[in-house]
Amino acid sequence: MQPTIAWLRLFAESGFAPDLMFDASFVAPHAFLLRRATERYPDDVLVLFSELIRHKLTLTDRHRQLDHLQTEVKDLQSGKKAAESEVATLNHQAHLLRVERHQQESKSARLTGQTRNLETAYSEQLRNLESSHQHVREEVQHLENAHQNAYQRAREEVRQLENAYQRAREEAVGTGHLVTGLSDTVSGLDRKSDRVMARLAAVESSLPYLGQEIEGILRSRIWRVLARWRRVLARAAHAGRPAISVAIRPRRAASTAQRCRGRRFLRLGLR
């Protein structure tokens, strides 16, 4: 590729000279107009014109580079705005995460307090259940002892009455003159014997009822709840973690009513 001065010299040898006043840069930065000339321009003028063309090319390159740099600046500014927007978004997200973390910590503390309260309530309910269980066992033992004592007293009275009746009959056979008085005595003893036998029959008939009472206690809700809680305690102790209870109110009123009915029936049978 030849420099501009070489083309100018070549055209000058053919009788053409550049038009120094015409600006052909709208076609290209290095474009120029040639006209036929009768006189050749000095070589200094051609060199100066070639330098002018070279400066136009340099200026065009500089403008192109400047446009490219401005485009890059705009891109960098757009990237800066996008980065600032992203930073603001990340800051907002971080703030939301801090708020959520604080809420989670508050919720965790609240749940921990509720767990402690439930464990305390569970311990209290367990103590109440154990106390109720002990009370039920004592009541059952008391009923069994009372029934056994009443049954033994009734049998002893029956034996005493039978012995008295037998002695009265023997005396009545041996002493004829006391037959009338002894007959009255025997009749009274017979009536007492009948009453004692009736009381003994009532006591014996109360045995199945007491067995039903004991069976009812064993099948009652409090007994089942107590047994279930004992199994829960055993599993919790085996697993090595605390158990959480729910509030269970033992039905002591029903047990008291059953004990009252059992005692009333026992008193009626012993009259």
Foldseek 3Di string as FASTA:
>chain_A
DDQQLVVQVVVVVVQKHWDPPDDPCVVPLQDTDIDGDPDGDDSVVSVVVSVVSVVSVVVVVVVVVVVVVVVVVVVVVVVVVVVVVVVVVVVVVVVVVVVVVVVVVVVVVVVVVVQVVQLVLVVVQLVVLVVVVVVVVVLLVVLVVVLVVLLVVLVVVLVVLVVVLVVLVVVCVVDVVCVVVSVVVNVVSVVVNVLSVQLNVLSVVCVVVSVVLVVCVCVDPSNVVNVVVVVVVVVCVVVVHRDGDDDDDDPVVVNVVSSVVSVVSNVVSND
